[in-house]
């Protein structure tokens, strides 16, 4: 059986939601970071 192989693959082959338990601190940290408005990161953007 042929399996597609790509050196530039940017996705993981597993679903991390299955691996990380619902009560894990990583999910709380992710929710906190995602709640920060994008405008707060504007001063750190690089313009070329």
PDB file of N, CA and C in Angstrom:
ATOM      1  N   UNK A   1       0.844  -1.182   0.000  1.00  0.00           N
ATOM      2  CA  UNK A   1       0.000   0.000   0.000  1.00  0.00           C
ATOM      3  C   UNK A   1       0.881   1.234   0.000  1.00  0.00           C
ATOM      4  N   UNK A   2       0.570   2.210  -0.841  1.00  0.00           N
ATOM      5  CA  UNK A   2       1.327   3.448  -0.953  1.00  0.00           C
ATOM      6  C   UNK A   2       0.829   4.470   0.062  1.00  0.00           C
ATOM      7  N   UNK A   3       1.758   5.075   0.813  1.00  0.00           N
ATOM      8  CA  UNK A   3       1.398   6.120   1.764  1.00  0.00           C
ATOM      9  C   UNK A   3       2.033   7.423   1.306  1.00  0.00           C
ATOM     10  N   UNK A   4       1.222   8.462   1.146  1.00  0.00           N
ATOM     11  CA  UNK A   4       1.721   9.764   0.715  1.00  0.00           C
ATOM     12  C   UNK A   4       2.679  10.318   1.768  1.00  0.00           C
ATOM     13  N   UNK A   5       3.883  10.686   1.344  1.00  0.00           N
ATOM     14  CA  UNK A   5       4.903  11.200   2.252  1.00  0.00           C
ATOM     15  C   UNK A   5       5.341  12.573   1.767  1.00  0.00           C
ATOM     16  N   UNK A   6       5.401  13.533   2.690  1.00  0.00           N
ATOM     17  CA  UNK A   6       5.740  14.894   2.335  1.00  0.00           C
ATOM     18  C   UNK A   6       6.677  15.461   3.393  1.00  0.00           C
ATOM     19  N   UNK A   7       7.879  15.864   3.008  1.00  0.00           N
ATOM     20  CA  UNK A   7       8.851  16.440   3.950  1.00  0.00           C
ATOM     21  C   UNK A   7       8.375  17.785   4.503  1.00  0.00           C
ATOM     22  N   UNK A   8       7.475  18.442   3.822  1.00  0.00           N
ATOM     23  CA  UNK A   8       6.980  19.755   4.238  1.00  0.00           C
ATOM     24  C   UNK A   8       5.640  19.653   4.955  1.00  0.00           C
ATOM     25  N   UNK A   9       5.341  18.505   5.473  1.00  0.00           N
ATOM     26  CA  UNK A   9       4.069  18.288   6.150  1.00  0.00           C
ATOM     27  C   UNK A   9       3.962  19.200   7.362  1.00  0.00           C
ATOM     28  N   UNK A  10       2.849  19.920   7.488  1.00  0.00           N
ATOM     29  CA  UNK A  10       2.687  20.836   8.612  1.00  0.00           C
ATOM     30  C   UNK A  10       1.548  20.419   9.545  1.00  0.00           C
ATOM     31  N   UNK A  11       0.949  19.294   9.288  1.00  0.00           N
ATOM     32  CA  UNK A  11      -0.118  18.815  10.157  1.00  0.00           C
ATOM     33  C   UNK A  11       0.325  17.548  10.870  1.00  0.00           C
ATOM     34  N   UNK A  12      -0.215  17.350  12.042  1.00  0.00           N
ATOM     35  CA  UNK A  12       0.085  16.147  12.793  1.00  0.00           C
ATOM     36  C   UNK A  12      -0.881  15.038  12.387  1.00  0.00           C
ATOM     37  N   UNK A  13      -0.437  13.813  12.397  1.00  0.00           N
ATOM     38  CA  UNK A  13      -1.308  12.721  11.969  1.00  0.00           C
ATOM     39  C   UNK A  13      -2.335  12.307  13.024  1.00  0.00           C
ATOM     40  N   UNK A  14      -2.283  12.892  14.223  1.00  0.00           N
ATOM     41  CA  UNK A  14      -3.243  12.519  15.268  1.00  0.00           C
ATOM     42  C   UNK A  14      -4.037  13.740  15.710  1.00  0.00           C
ATOM     43  N   UNK A  15      -5.166  13.511  16.307  1.00  0.00           N
ATOM     44  CA  UNK A  15      -5.996  14.581  16.835  1.00  0.00           C
ATOM     45  C   UNK A  15      -5.572  14.824  18.282  1.00  0.00           C
ATOM     46  N   UNK A  16      -4.996  15.983  18.572  1.00  0.00           N
ATOM     47  CA  UNK A  16      -4.482  16.264  19.906  1.00  0.00           C
ATOM     48  C   UNK A  16      -5.594  16.376  20.950  1.00  0.00           C
ATOM     49  N   UNK A  17      -6.801  16.683  20.535  1.00  0.00           N
ATOM     50  CA  UNK A  17      -7.906  16.767  21.486  1.00  0.00           C
ATOM     51  C   UNK A  17      -8.165  15.411  22.131  1.00  0.00           C
ATOM     52  N   UNK A  18      -7.831  14.339  21.437  1.00  0.00           N
ATOM     53  CA  UNK A  18      -8.005  13.000  21.976  1.00  0.00           C
ATOM     54  C   UNK A  18      -6.917  12.706  23.000  1.00  0.00           C
ATOM     55  N   UNK A  19      -5.719  13.229  22.787  1.00  0.00           N
ATOM     56  CA  UNK A  19      -4.575  12.957  23.635  1.00  0.00           C
ATOM     57  C   UNK A  19      -4.591  13.803  24.908  1.00  0.00           C
ATOM     58  N   UNK A  20      -5.022  15.070  24.819  1.00  0.00           N
ATOM     59  CA  UNK A  20      -5.015  15.975  25.960  1.00  0.00           C
ATOM     60  C   UNK A  20      -6.338  15.844  26.719  1.00  0.00           C
ATOM     61  N   UNK A  21      -6.274  15.512  28.012  1.00  0.00           N
ATOM     62  CA  UNK A  21      -7.510  15.405  28.798  1.00  0.00           C
ATOM     63  C   UNK A  21      -8.200  16.766  28.948  1.00  0.00           C
ATOM     64  N   UNK A  22      -9.508  16.742  29.135  1.00  0.00           N
ATOM     65  CA  UNK A  22     -10.275  17.988  29.232  1.00  0.00           C
ATOM     66  C   UNK A  22      -9.889  18.836  30.431  1.00  0.00           C
ATOM     67  N   UNK A  23      -9.340  18.237  31.481  1.00  0.00           N
ATOM     68  CA  UNK A  23      -8.987  19.004  32.675  1.00  0.00           C
ATOM     69  C   UNK A  23      -7.504  19.391  32.702  1.00  0.00           C
ATOM     70  N   UNK A  24      -6.816  19.287  31.573  1.00  0.00           N
ATOM     71  CA  UNK A  24      -5.392  19.612  31.507  1.00  0.00           C
ATOM     72  C   UNK A  24      -5.189  21.125  31.506  1.00  0.00           C
ATOM     73  N   UNK A  25      -4.138  21.592  32.173  1.00  0.00           N
ATOM     74  CA  UNK A  25      -3.842  23.023  32.262  1.00  0.00           C
ATOM     75  C   UNK A  25      -3.542  23.627  30.894  1.00  0.00           C
ATOM     76  N   UNK A  26      -3.065  22.818  29.962  1.00  0.00           N
ATOM     77  CA  UNK A  26      -2.752  23.317  28.624  1.00  0.00           C
ATOM     78  C   UNK A  26      -3.983  23.901  27.940  1.00  0.00           C
ATOM     79  N   UNK A  27      -5.130  23.315  28.171  1.00  0.00           N
ATOM     80  CA  UNK A  27      -6.360  23.840  27.565  1.00  0.00           C
ATOM     81  C   UNK A  27      -6.750  25.173  28.185  1.00  0.00           C
ATOM     82  N   UNK A  28      -6.512  25.349  29.480  1.00  0.00           N
ATOM     83  CA  UNK A  28      -6.803  26.623  30.141  1.00  0.00           C
ATOM     84  C   UNK A  28      -5.863  27.708  29.624  1.00  0.00           C
ATOM     85  N   UNK A  29      -4.589  27.366  29.464  1.00  0.00           N
ATOM     86  CA  UNK A  29      -3.621  28.333  28.936  1.00  0.00           C
ATOM     87  C   UNK A  29      -3.982  28.700  27.504  1.00  0.00           C
ATOM     88  N   UNK A  30      -4.354  27.719  26.705  1.00  0.00           N
ATOM     89  CA  UNK A  30      -4.753  27.982  25.322  1.00  0.00           C
ATOM     90  C   UNK A  30      -5.966  28.910  25.270  1.00  0.00           C
ATOM     91  N   UNK A  31      -6.949  28.674  26.112  1.00  0.00           N
ATOM     92  CA  UNK A  31      -8.141  29.520  26.138  1.00  0.00           C
ATOM     93  C   UNK A  31      -7.784  30.952  26.535  1.00  0.00           C
ATOM     94  N   UNK A  32      -6.873  31.099  27.492  1.00  0.00           N
ATOM     95  CA  UNK A  32      -6.435  32.423  27.920  1.00  0.00           C
ATOM     96  C   UNK A  32      -5.735  33.161  26.790  1.00  0.00           C
ATOM     97  N   UNK A  33      -4.808  32.489  26.128  1.00  0.00           N
ATOM     98  CA  UNK A  33      -4.061  33.122  25.034  1.00  0.00           C
ATOM     99  C   UNK A  33      -4.993  33.474  23.880  1.00  0.00           C
ATOM    100  N   UNK A  34      -5.903  32.588  23.554  1.00  0.00           N
ATOM    101  CA  UNK A  34      -6.835  32.844  22.454  1.00  0.00           C
ATOM    102  C   UNK A  34      -7.805  33.977  22.773  1.00  0.00           C
ATOM    103  N   UNK A  35      -8.003  34.300  24.048  1.00  0.00           N
ATOM    104  CA  UNK A  35      -8.921  35.372  24.420  1.00  0.00           C
ATOM    105  C   UNK A  35      -8.289  36.758  24.292  1.00  0.00           C
ATOM    106  N   UNK A  36      -6.959  36.818  24.090  1.00  0.00           N
ATOM    107  CA  UNK A  36      -6.275  38.101  23.925  1.00  0.00           C
ATOM    108  C   UNK A  36      -6.583  38.637  22.522  1.00  0.00           C
ATOM    109  N   UNK A  37      -7.083  39.888  22.448  1.00  0.00           N
ATOM    110  CA  UNK A  37      -7.389  40.455  21.127  1.00  0.00           C
ATOM    111  C   UNK A  37      -6.136  40.585  20.267  1.00  0.00           C
ATOM    112  N   UNK A  38      -6.283  40.383  18.961  1.00  0.00           N
ATOM    113  CA  UNK A  38      -5.154  40.474  18.036  1.00  0.00           C
ATOM    114  C   UNK A  38      -4.511  41.857  18.055  1.00  0.00           C
ATOM    115  N   UNK A  39      -5.274  42.880  18.395  1.00  0.00           N
ATOM    116  CA  UNK A  39      -4.734  44.239  18.418  1.00  0.00           C
ATOM    117  C   UNK A  39      -3.634  44.403  19.465  1.00  0.00           C
ATOM    118  N   UNK A  40      -3.629  43.580  20.477  1.00  0.00           N
ATOM    119  CA  UNK A  40      -2.592  43.647  21.511  1.00  0.00           C
ATOM    120  C   UNK A  40      -1.230  43.199  20.987  1.00  0.00           C
ATOM    121  N   UNK A  41      -1.228  42.436  19.903  1.00  0.00           N
ATOM    122  CA  UNK A  41       0.019  41.951  19.331  1.00  0.00           C
ATOM    123  C   UNK A  41       0.558  42.867  18.234  1.00  0.00           C
ATOM    124  N   UNK A  42      -0.195  43.899  17.848  1.00  0.00           N
ATOM    125  CA  UNK A  42       0.191  44.788  16.761  1.00  0.00           C
ATOM    126  C   UNK A  42       1.560  45.445  16.981  1.00  0.00           C
ATOM    127  N   UNK A  43       1.913  45.899  18.178  1.00  0.00           N
ATOM    128  CA  UNK A  43       3.244  46.522  18.353  1.00  0.00           C
ATOM    129  C   UNK A  43       4.419  45.587  18.070  1.00  0.00           C
ATOM    130  N   UNK A  44       4.178  44.288  18.069  1.00  0.00           N
ATOM    131  CA  UNK A  44       5.252  43.317  17.870  1.00  0.00           C
ATOM    132  C   UNK A  44       5.381  42.856  16.420  1.00  0.00           C
ATOM    133  N   UNK A  45       4.494  43.315  15.547  1.00  0.00           N
ATOM    134  CA  UNK A  45       4.526  42.900  14.151  1.00  0.00           C
ATOM    135  C   UNK A  45       5.706  43.545  13.438  1.00  0.00           C
ATOM    136  N   UNK A  46       6.345  42.768  12.561  1.00  0.00           N
ATOM    137  CA  UNK A  46       7.459  43.272  11.765  1.00  0.00           C
ATOM    138  C   UNK A  46       6.960  43.685  10.388  1.00  0.00           C
ATOM    139  N   UNK A  47       7.412  44.817   9.947  1.00  0.00           N
ATOM    140  CA  UNK A  47       7.087  45.254   8.581  1.00  0.00           C
ATOM    141  C   UNK A  47       8.373  45.268   7.776  1.00  0.00           C
ATOM    142  N   UNK A  48       8.321  44.732   6.587  1.00  0.00           N
ATOM    143  CA  UNK A  48       9.506  44.647   5.740  1.00  0.00           C
ATOM    144  C   UNK A  48       9.383  45.550   4.568  1.00  0.00           C
TER     145      UNK A  48
END
